[in-house]
Amino acid sequence: MTQIGFTSVPDSLSAIHEGQGTTGRYFRFLNSYLELIFVYNQKELE
């Protein structure tokens, strides 16, 4: 999304959701944000 002009929240590059097996990337808008969630650890996710 950054390649098409959106700005990601800087701290979101290391946003690991401990115990859930996922990590996220956040994009801020005027009055909201969008979080894209990715599998970080398959065993932890299960």
Protein backbone atom coordinates (compact mmCIF):
# COMPACT_ATOMS: atom_id res chain seq x y z
CA MET A 1 0.00 0.00 0.00
CA THR A 2 2.93 2.31 0.55
CA GLN A 3 3.80 1.92 -3.13
CA ILE A 4 0.49 3.53 -4.10
CA GLY A 5 0.81 6.46 -1.71
CA PHE A 6 -0.55 5.37 1.66
CA THR A 7 1.49 6.01 4.81
CA SER A 8 1.96 3.22 7.33
CA VAL A 9 2.20 3.86 11.04
CA PRO A 10 5.98 3.62 11.74
CA ASP A 11 5.70 1.37 14.82
CA SER A 12 3.51 -1.10 12.95
CA LEU A 13 6.52 -2.68 11.28
CA SER A 14 7.19 -4.61 14.49
CA ALA A 15 3.61 -5.09 15.74
CA ILE A 16 3.67 -8.77 16.71
CA HIS A 17 0.50 -10.00 18.43
CA GLU A 18 2.04 -12.20 21.11
CA GLY A 19 0.21 -15.48 21.68
CA GLN A 20 -1.90 -15.12 18.52
CA GLY A 21 0.67 -16.02 15.87
CA THR A 22 -0.01 -12.91 13.83
CA THR A 23 1.59 -9.59 13.03
CA GLY A 24 -0.01 -6.45 11.64
CA ARG A 25 0.64 -3.39 9.55
CA TYR A 26 -1.37 -0.24 10.22
CA PHE A 27 -2.39 2.52 7.82
CA ARG A 28 -3.82 5.75 9.21
CA PHE A 29 -6.67 7.73 7.64
CA LEU A 30 -8.33 10.98 8.73
CA ASN A 31 -10.58 9.46 11.40
CA SER A 32 -9.75 5.74 11.36
CA TYR A 33 -7.09 3.18 10.56
CA LEU A 34 -6.80 -0.06 8.63
CA GLU A 35 -4.89 -3.04 10.03
CA LEU A 36 -3.67 -5.76 7.69
CA ILE A 37 -2.98 -8.96 9.62
CA PHE A 38 -0.49 -11.62 8.52
CA VAL A 39 0.38 -15.05 9.93
CA TYR A 40 3.68 -14.75 11.77
CA ASN A 41 3.91 -18.13 13.50
CA GLN A 42 1.70 -20.95 12.20
CA LYS A 43 2.04 -23.13 15.33
CA GLU A 44 1.11 -20.24 17.61
CA LEU A 45 -1.86 -19.42 15.38
CA GLU A 46 -3.27 -22.93 15.70
